[in-house]
PDB file of N, CA and C in Angstrom:
ATOM      1  N   MET A   1       0.847  -1.169   0.000  1.00  0.00           N
ATOM      2  CA  MET A   1       0.000   0.000   0.000  1.00  0.00           C
ATOM      3  C   MET A   1       0.896   1.237   0.000  1.00  0.00           C
ATOM      4  N   THR A   2       0.676   2.156  -0.911  1.00  0.00           N
ATOM      5  CA  THR A   2       1.431   3.387  -1.026  1.00  0.00           C
ATOM      6  C   THR A   2       0.598   4.524  -0.444  1.00  0.00           C
ATOM      7  N   THR A   3       1.270   5.327   0.379  1.00  0.00           N
ATOM      8  CA  THR A   3       0.586   6.468   0.960  1.00  0.00           C
ATOM      9  C   THR A   3       1.342   7.744   0.584  1.00  0.00           C
ATOM     10  N   TYR A   4       0.617   8.771   0.322  1.00  0.00           N
ATOM     11  CA  TYR A   4       1.208  10.060  -0.046  1.00  0.00           C
ATOM     12  C   TYR A   4       0.907  11.133   1.003  1.00  0.00           C
ATOM     13  N   SER A   5       0.473  10.703   2.150  1.00  0.00           N
ATOM     14  CA  SER A   5       0.137  11.686   3.184  1.00  0.00           C
ATOM     15  C   SER A   5       1.417  12.274   3.787  1.00  0.00           C
ATOM     16  N   VAL A   6       1.322  13.532   4.165  1.00  0.00           N
ATOM     17  CA  VAL A   6       2.447  14.258   4.768  1.00  0.00           C
ATOM     18  C   VAL A   6       1.946  14.866   6.074  1.00  0.00           C
ATOM     19  N   ASN A   7       2.716  14.674   7.121  1.00  0.00           N
ATOM     20  CA  ASN A   7       2.402  15.292   8.408  1.00  0.00           C
ATOM     21  C   ASN A   7       3.271  16.535   8.573  1.00  0.00           C
ATOM     22  N   VAL A   8       2.650  17.616   8.971  1.00  0.00           N
ATOM     23  CA  VAL A   8       3.374  18.867   9.193  1.00  0.00           C
ATOM     24  C   VAL A   8       3.140  19.274  10.639  1.00  0.00           C
ATOM     25  N   PHE A   9       4.243  19.534  11.355  1.00  0.00           N
ATOM     26  CA  PHE A   9       4.177  19.932  12.747  1.00  0.00           C
ATOM     27  C   PHE A   9       4.736  21.345  12.882  1.00  0.00           C
ATOM     28  N   ARG A  10       3.977  22.194  13.564  1.00  0.00           N
ATOM     29  CA  ARG A  10       4.441  23.549  13.847  1.00  0.00           C
ATOM     30  C   ARG A  10       4.608  23.681  15.350  1.00  0.00           C
ATOM     31  N   SER A  11       5.692  24.293  15.776  1.00  0.00           N
ATOM     32  CA  SER A  11       5.965  24.470  17.193  1.00  0.00           C
ATOM     33  C   SER A  11       5.131  25.618  17.743  1.00  0.00           C
ATOM     34  N   CYS A  12       4.491  25.371  18.887  1.00  0.00           N
ATOM     35  CA  CYS A  12       3.730  26.433  19.554  1.00  0.00           C
ATOM     36  C   CYS A  12       4.665  27.315  20.385  1.00  0.00           C
ATOM     37  N   ARG A  13       5.821  26.786  20.766  1.00  0.00           N
ATOM     38  CA  ARG A  13       6.757  27.531  21.602  1.00  0.00           C
ATOM     39  C   ARG A  13       7.729  28.363  20.777  1.00  0.00           C
ATOM     40  N   TRP A  14       8.158  27.843  19.615  1.00  0.00           N
ATOM     41  CA  TRP A  14       9.106  28.537  18.744  1.00  0.00           C
ATOM     42  C   TRP A  14       8.421  28.855  17.419  1.00  0.00           C
ATOM     43  N   PRO A  15       7.840  30.049  17.263  1.00  0.00           N
ATOM     44  CA  PRO A  15       7.205  30.395  15.991  1.00  0.00           C
ATOM     45  C   PRO A  15       8.241  30.360  14.869  1.00  0.00           C
ATOM     46  N   GLY A  16       7.902  29.715  13.795  1.00  0.00           N
ATOM     47  CA  GLY A  16       8.817  29.610  12.664  1.00  0.00           C
ATOM     48  C   GLY A  16       9.469  28.244  12.568  1.00  0.00           C
ATOM     49  N   ALA A  17       9.293  27.385  13.584  1.00  0.00           N
ATOM     50  CA  ALA A  17       9.855  26.034  13.536  1.00  0.00           C
ATOM     51  C   ALA A  17       8.811  25.084  12.957  1.00  0.00           C
ATOM     52  N   ILE A  18       9.170  24.408  11.881  1.00  0.00           N
ATOM     53  CA  ILE A  18       8.243  23.488  11.203  1.00  0.00           C
ATOM     54  C   ILE A  18       8.980  22.184  10.914  1.00  0.00           C
ATOM     55  N   THR A  19       8.290  21.074  11.111  1.00  0.00           N
ATOM     56  CA  THR A  19       8.819  19.760  10.765  1.00  0.00           C
ATOM     57  C   THR A  19       7.800  19.080   9.865  1.00  0.00           C
ATOM     58  N   ALA A  20       8.257  18.537   8.749  1.00  0.00           N
ATOM     59  CA  ALA A  20       7.391  17.794   7.821  1.00  0.00           C
ATOM     60  C   ALA A  20       7.878  16.349   7.782  1.00  0.00           C
ATOM     61  N   GLN A  21       6.912  15.390   7.777  1.00  0.00           N
ATOM     62  CA  GLN A  21       7.246  13.980   7.812  1.00  0.00           C
ATOM     63  C   GLN A  21       6.382  13.221   6.817  1.00  0.00           C
ATOM     64  N   ARG A  22       7.036  12.305   6.094  1.00  0.00           N
ATOM     65  CA  ARG A  22       6.310  11.419   5.169  1.00  0.00           C
ATOM     66  C   ARG A  22       6.977  10.057   5.245  1.00  0.00           C
ATOM     67  N   GLY A  23       6.229   9.072   5.672  1.00  0.00           N
ATOM     68  CA  GLY A  23       6.792   7.737   5.862  1.00  0.00           C
ATOM     69  C   GLY A  23       7.834   7.772   6.961  1.00  0.00           C
ATOM     70  N   ASN A  24       9.039   7.284   6.654  1.00  0.00           N
ATOM     71  CA  ASN A  24      10.096   7.305   7.656  1.00  0.00           C
ATOM     72  C   ASN A  24      11.127   8.419   7.388  1.00  0.00           C
ATOM     73  N   LYS A  25      10.765   9.374   6.533  1.00  0.00           N
ATOM     74  CA  LYS A  25      11.640  10.504   6.242  1.00  0.00           C
ATOM     75  C   LYS A  25      11.021  11.774   6.817  1.00  0.00           C
ATOM     76  N   TYR A  26      11.896  12.649   7.303  1.00  0.00           N
ATOM     77  CA  TYR A  26      11.401  13.922   7.839  1.00  0.00           C
ATOM     78  C   TYR A  26      12.444  15.000   7.610  1.00  0.00           C
ATOM     79  N   THR A  27      11.996  16.236   7.678  1.00  0.00           N
ATOM     80  CA  THR A  27      12.886  17.391   7.584  1.00  0.00           C
ATOM     81  C   THR A  27      12.350  18.488   8.491  1.00  0.00           C
ATOM     82  N   SER A  28      13.264  19.294   8.984  1.00  0.00           N
ATOM     83  CA  SER A  28      12.889  20.400   9.876  1.00  0.00           C
ATOM     84  C   SER A  28      13.497  21.684   9.339  1.00  0.00           C
ATOM     85  N   ILE A  29      12.791  22.778   9.582  1.00  0.00           N
ATOM     86  CA  ILE A  29      13.283  24.092   9.184  1.00  0.00           C
ATOM     87  C   ILE A  29      12.843  25.101  10.246  1.00  0.00           C
ATOM     88  N   TYR A  30      13.702  26.065  10.467  1.00  0.00           N
ATOM     89  CA  TYR A  30      13.360  27.142  11.392  1.00  0.00           C
ATOM     90  C   TYR A  30      13.699  28.469  10.724  1.00  0.00           C
ATOM     91  N   VAL A  31      12.719  29.348  10.640  1.00  0.00           N
ATOM     92  CA  VAL A  31      12.912  30.697  10.118  1.00  0.00           C
ATOM     93  C   VAL A  31      12.301  31.638  11.154  1.00  0.00           C
ATOM     94  N   GLY A  32      13.137  32.338  11.875  1.00  0.00           N
ATOM     95  CA  GLY A  32      12.628  33.227  12.914  1.00  0.00           C
ATOM     96  C   GLY A  32      13.741  34.032  13.535  1.00  0.00           C
ATOM     97  N   TYR A  33      13.431  34.661  14.670  1.00  0.00           N
ATOM     98  CA  TYR A  33      14.362  35.548  15.347  1.00  0.00           C
ATOM     99  C   TYR A  33      15.012  34.915  16.576  1.00  0.00           C
ATOM    100  N   GLY A  34      14.727  33.670  16.873  1.00  0.00           N
ATOM    101  CA  GLY A  34      15.311  33.007  18.032  1.00  0.00           C
ATOM    102  C   GLY A  34      14.687  33.444  19.336  1.00  0.00           C
ATOM    103  N   ILE A  35      13.432  33.842  19.301  1.00  0.00           N
ATOM    104  CA  ILE A  35      12.739  34.309  20.498  1.00  0.00           C
ATOM    105  C   ILE A  35      11.531  33.408  20.727  1.00  0.00           C
ATOM    106  N   LYS A  36      11.440  32.872  21.935  1.00  0.00           N
ATOM    107  CA  LYS A  36      10.325  32.004  22.267  1.00  0.00           C
ATOM    108  C   LYS A  36       9.030  32.803  22.303  1.00  0.00           C
ATOM    109  N   LYS A  37       7.939  32.137  21.973  1.00  0.00           N
ATOM    110  CA  LYS A  37       6.641  32.801  22.030  1.00  0.00           C
ATOM    111  C   LYS A  37       6.289  33.080  23.487  1.00  0.00           C
ATOM    112  N   GLY A  38       5.880  34.286  23.754  1.00  0.00           N
ATOM    113  CA  GLY A  38       5.500  34.665  25.100  1.00  0.00           C
ATOM    114  C   GLY A  38       6.588  35.392  25.860  1.00  0.00           C
ATOM    115  N   ASP A  39       7.823  35.366  25.372  1.00  0.00           N
ATOM    116  CA  ASP A  39       8.884  36.113  26.039  1.00  0.00           C
ATOM    117  C   ASP A  39       8.631  37.602  25.858  1.00  0.00           C
ATOM    118  N   THR A  40       8.831  38.344  26.913  1.00  0.00           N
ATOM    119  CA  THR A  40       8.613  39.785  26.842  1.00  0.00           C
ATOM    120  C   THR A  40       9.925  40.555  26.801  1.00  0.00           C
ATOM    121  N   CYS A  41      11.046  39.847  26.616  1.00  0.00           N
ATOM    122  CA  CYS A  41      12.329  40.542  26.663  1.00  0.00           C
ATOM    123  C   CYS A  41      12.641  41.282  25.366  1.00  0.00           C
ATOM    124  N   PHE A  42      11.933  41.019  24.301  1.00  0.00           N
ATOM    125  CA  PHE A  42      12.216  41.674  23.026  1.00  0.00           C
ATOM    126  C   PHE A  42      11.090  42.634  22.689  1.00  0.00           C
ATOM    127  N   ASN A  43      11.318  43.920  22.916  1.00  0.00           N
ATOM    128  CA  ASN A  43      10.342  44.948  22.614  1.00  0.00           C
ATOM    129  C   ASN A  43      11.014  46.034  21.793  1.00  0.00           C
ATOM    130  N   PRO A  44      11.063  45.869  20.478  1.00  0.00           N
ATOM    131  CA  PRO A  44      11.734  46.894  19.676  1.00  0.00           C
ATOM    132  C   PRO A  44      10.965  48.210  19.729  1.00  0.00           C
ATOM    133  N   THR A  45      11.714  49.291  19.737  1.00  0.00           N
ATOM    134  CA  THR A  45      11.091  50.613  19.749  1.00  0.00           C
ATOM    135  C   THR A  45      11.444  51.338  18.460  1.00  0.00           C
ATOM    136  N   VAL A  46      10.600  52.244  18.089  1.00  0.00           N
ATOM    137  CA  VAL A  46      10.818  53.024  16.881  1.00  0.00           C
ATOM    138  C   VAL A  46      11.750  54.177  17.232  1.00  0.00           C
ATOM    139  N   PRO A  47      12.823  54.376  16.469  1.00  0.00           N
ATOM    140  CA  PRO A  47      13.708  55.497  16.775  1.00  0.00           C
ATOM    141  C   PRO A  47      13.013  56.825  16.496  1.00  0.00           C
ATOM    142  N   PRO A  48      13.432  57.887  17.168  1.00  0.00           N
ATOM    143  CA  PRO A  48      12.806  59.186  16.918  1.00  0.00           C
ATOM    144  C   PRO A  48      13.059  59.640  15.483  1.00  0.00           C
ATOM    145  N   LEU A  49      12.073  60.291  14.904  1.00  0.00           N
ATOM    146  CA  LEU A  49      12.174  60.692  13.509  1.00  0.00           C
ATOM    147  C   LEU A  49      12.864  62.036  13.323  1.00  0.00           C
ATOM    148  N   ASP A  50      13.007  62.806  14.378  1.00  0.00           N
ATOM    149  CA  ASP A  50      13.585  64.144  14.239  1.00  0.00           C
ATOM    150  C   ASP A  50      15.035  64.191  14.711  1.00  0.00           C
ATOM    151  N   TRP A  51      15.877  63.413  14.068  1.00  0.00           N
ATOM    152  CA  TRP A  51      17.311  63.443  14.381  1.00  0.00           C
ATOM    153  C   TRP A  51      17.883  64.725  13.806  1.00  0.00           C
ATOM    154  N   ASN A  52      18.564  65.476  14.629  1.00  0.00           N
ATOM    155  CA  ASN A  52      19.195  66.723  14.186  1.00  0.00           C
ATOM    156  C   ASN A  52      20.678  66.469  13.943  1.00  0.00           C
ATOM    157  N   ASP A  53      21.206  67.089  12.899  1.00  0.00           N
ATOM    158  CA  ASP A  53      22.632  66.986  12.638  1.00  0.00           C
ATOM    159  C   ASP A  53      23.381  67.788  13.692  1.00  0.00           C
ATOM    160  N   PRO A  54      24.542  67.293  14.109  1.00  0.00           N
ATOM    161  CA  PRO A  54      25.305  68.071  15.089  1.00  0.00           C
ATOM    162  C   PRO A  54      25.816  69.365  14.468  1.00  0.00           C
ATOM    163  N   THR A  55      25.943  70.377  15.290  1.00  0.00           N
ATOM    164  CA  THR A  55      26.436  71.660  14.792  1.00  0.00           C
ATOM    165  C   THR A  55      27.953  71.596  14.657  1.00  0.00           C
ATOM    166  N   ASP A  56      28.463  72.302  13.669  1.00  0.00           N
ATOM    167  CA  ASP A  56      29.906  72.340  13.459  1.00  0.00           C
ATOM    168  C   ASP A  56      30.559  73.201  14.528  1.00  0.00           C
ATOM    169  N   GLN A  57      31.736  72.770  14.947  1.00  0.00           N
ATOM    170  CA  GLN A  57      32.472  73.561  15.923  1.00  0.00           C
ATOM    171  C   GLN A  57      33.148  74.727  15.221  1.00  0.00           C
ATOM    172  N   LYS A  58      33.316  75.821  15.958  1.00  0.00           N
ATOM    173  CA  LYS A  58      33.986  76.991  15.398  1.00  0.00           C
ATOM    174  C   LYS A  58      35.488  76.718  15.327  1.00  0.00           C
ATOM    175  N   GLU A  59      36.136  77.405  14.398  1.00  0.00           N
ATOM    176  CA  GLU A  59      37.573  77.248  14.237  1.00  0.00           C
ATOM    177  C   GLU A  59      38.302  77.750  15.464  1.00  0.00           C
ATOM    178  N   GLN A  60      39.298  76.989  15.885  1.00  0.00           N
ATOM    179  CA  GLN A  60      40.105  77.342  17.033  1.00  0.00           C
ATOM    180  C   GLN A  60      41.546  77.530  16.569  1.00  0.00           C
ATOM    181  N   PRO A  61      42.309  78.351  17.267  1.00  0.00           N
ATOM    182  CA  PRO A  61      43.717  78.511  16.882  1.00  0.00           C
ATOM    183  C   PRO A  61      44.484  77.218  17.133  1.00  0.00           C
ATOM    184  N   GLU A  62      45.577  77.079  16.444  1.00  0.00           N
ATOM    185  CA  GLU A  62      46.426  75.909  16.584  1.00  0.00           C
ATOM    186  C   GLU A  62      46.899  75.807  18.039  1.00  0.00           C
ATOM    187  N   PRO A  63      46.753  74.661  18.697  1.00  0.00           N
ATOM    188  CA  PRO A  63      47.141  74.574  20.100  1.00  0.00           C
ATOM    189  C   PRO A  63      48.651  74.671  20.312  1.00  0.00           C
ATOM    190  N   THR A  64      49.433  74.176  19.360  1.00  0.00           N
ATOM    191  CA  THR A  64      50.897  74.275  19.468  1.00  0.00           C
ATOM    192  C   THR A  64      51.438  74.750  18.134  1.00  0.00           C
ATOM    193  N   PRO A  65      51.361  76.058  17.866  1.00  0.00           N
ATOM    194  CA  PRO A  65      51.816  76.558  16.573  1.00  0.00           C
ATOM    195  C   PRO A  65      53.335  76.443  16.436  1.00  0.00           C
ATOM    196  N   LEU A  66      53.813  76.317  15.188  1.00  0.00           N
ATOM    197  CA  LEU A  66      55.253  76.237  14.933  1.00  0.00           C
ATOM    198  C   LEU A  66      55.917  77.590  15.146  1.00  0.00           C
ATOM    199  N   GLU A  67      55.198  78.659  14.849  1.00  0.00           N
ATOM    200  CA  GLU A  67      55.730  80.002  15.042  1.00  0.00           C
ATOM    201  C   GLU A  67      54.837  80.739  16.019  1.00  0.00           C
ATOM    202  N   GLU A  68      55.444  81.645  16.769  1.00  0.00           N
ATOM    203  CA  GLU A  68      54.670  82.408  17.736  1.00  0.00           C
ATOM    204  C   GLU A  68      53.748  83.369  16.990  1.00  0.00           C
ATOM    205  N   PRO A  69      52.455  83.370  17.331  1.00  0.00           N
ATOM    206  CA  PRO A  69      51.539  84.262  16.627  1.00  0.00           C
ATOM    207  C   PRO A  69      51.851  85.726  16.925  1.00  0.00           C
ATOM    208  N   ALA A  70      51.570  86.572  15.944  1.00  0.00           N
ATOM    209  CA  ALA A  70      51.802  88.019  16.109  1.00  0.00           C
ATOM    210  C   ALA A  70      50.844  88.543  17.168  1.00  0.00           C
ATOM    211  N   PRO A  71      51.325  89.427  18.057  1.00  0.00           N
ATOM    212  CA  PRO A  71      50.425  89.965  19.087  1.00  0.00           C
ATOM    213  C   PRO A  71      49.355  90.854  18.453  1.00  0.00           C
ATOM    214  N   VAL A  72      48.176  90.763  18.983  1.00  0.00           N
ATOM    215  CA  VAL A  72      47.063  91.564  18.496  1.00  0.00           C
ATOM    216  C   VAL A  72      47.055  92.871  19.267  1.00  0.00           C
ATOM    217  N   GLU A  73      47.093  93.990  18.542  1.00  0.00           N
ATOM    218  CA  GLU A  73      47.098  95.298  19.194  1.00  0.00           C
ATOM    219  C   GLU A  73      45.689  95.654  19.620  1.00  0.00           C
ATOM    220  N   GLU A  74      45.568  95.984  20.891  1.00  0.00           N
ATOM    221  CA  GLU A  74      44.267  96.376  21.413  1.00  0.00           C
ATOM    222  C   GLU A  74      44.212  97.902  21.476  1.00  0.00           C
ATOM    223  N   LYS A  75      43.027  98.444  21.260  1.00  0.00           N
ATOM    224  CA  LYS A  75      42.868  99.892  21.347  1.00  0.00           C
ATOM    225  C   LYS A  75      42.943 100.322  22.799  1.00  0.00           C
ATOM    226  N   ASP A  76      43.486 101.486  23.008  1.00  0.00           N
ATOM    227  CA  ASP A  76      43.589 102.020  24.358  1.00  0.00           C
ATOM    228  C   ASP A  76      42.234 102.608  24.738  1.00  0.00           C
ATOM    229  N   SER A  77      41.552 101.951  25.644  1.00  0.00           N
ATOM    230  CA  SER A  77      40.206 102.390  26.011  1.00  0.00           C
ATOM    231  C   SER A  77      40.223 103.696  26.806  1.00  0.00           C
ATOM    232  N   ASP A  78      41.339 103.986  27.489  1.00  0.00           N
ATOM    233  CA  ASP A  78      41.406 105.246  28.238  1.00  0.00           C
ATOM    234  C   ASP A  78      41.392 106.458  27.327  1.00  0.00           C
ATOM    235  N   ASN A  79      42.117 106.418  26.222  1.00  0.00           N
ATOM    236  CA  ASN A  79      42.161 107.539  25.288  1.00  0.00           C
ATOM    237  C   ASN A  79      40.820 107.728  24.592  1.00  0.00           C
ATOM    238  N   GLU A  80      40.140 106.660  24.257  1.00  0.00           N
ATOM    239  CA  GLU A  80      38.864 106.776  23.552  1.00  0.00           C
ATOM    240  C   GLU A  80      37.814 107.451  24.456  1.00  0.00           C
ATOM    241  N   GLU A  81      37.810 107.103  25.709  1.00  0.00           N
ATOM    242  CA  GLU A  81      36.833 107.702  26.626  1.00  0.00           C
ATOM    243  C   GLU A  81      37.094 109.180  26.805  1.00  0.00           C
ATOM    244  N   GLY A  82      38.376 109.555  26.876  1.00  0.00           N
ATOM    245  CA  GLY A  82      38.729 110.965  27.049  1.00  0.00           C
ATOM    246  C   GLY A  82      38.348 111.795  25.851  1.00  0.00           C
ATOM    247  N   GLU A  83      38.484 111.253  24.654  1.00  0.00           N
ATOM    248  CA  GLU A  83      38.157 111.989  23.434  1.00  0.00           C
ATOM    249  C   GLU A  83      36.647 112.181  23.325  1.00  0.00           C
ATOM    250  N   GLU A  84      35.862 111.183  23.735  1.00  0.00           N
ATOM    251  CA  GLU A  84      34.403 111.277  23.610  1.00  0.00           C
ATOM    252  C   GLU A  84      33.833 112.317  24.584  1.00  0.00           C
ATOM    253  N   ASN A  85      34.455 112.478  25.750  1.00  0.00           N
ATOM    254  CA  ASN A  85      33.931 113.414  26.742  1.00  0.00           C
ATOM    255  C   ASN A  85      34.223 114.856  26.400  1.00  0.00           C
ATOM    256  N   GLU A  86      35.193 115.151  25.565  1.00  0.00           N
ATOM    257  CA  GLU A  86      35.576 116.524  25.270  1.00  0.00           C
ATOM    258  C   GLU A  86      34.641 117.200  24.345  1.00  0.00           C
TER     259      GLU A  86
END
């Protein structure tokens, strides 16, 4: 007697695990994430949609220049005040 019936088993604990059997031959396949059904440890969240690009830093002087920078001349604030009051 020849039979062509196939038994298919699906795991209730591991979604994606399937075993098919016909006669004395069988095969199993698993396609899933490796998470048991009912586990609450995997809760993916949606990342925020408003990611802002970081702001560029302003230019800074060389921390160890090869040559000494030229001194910057500052205005004499005492003379300017005296001229404005006259």
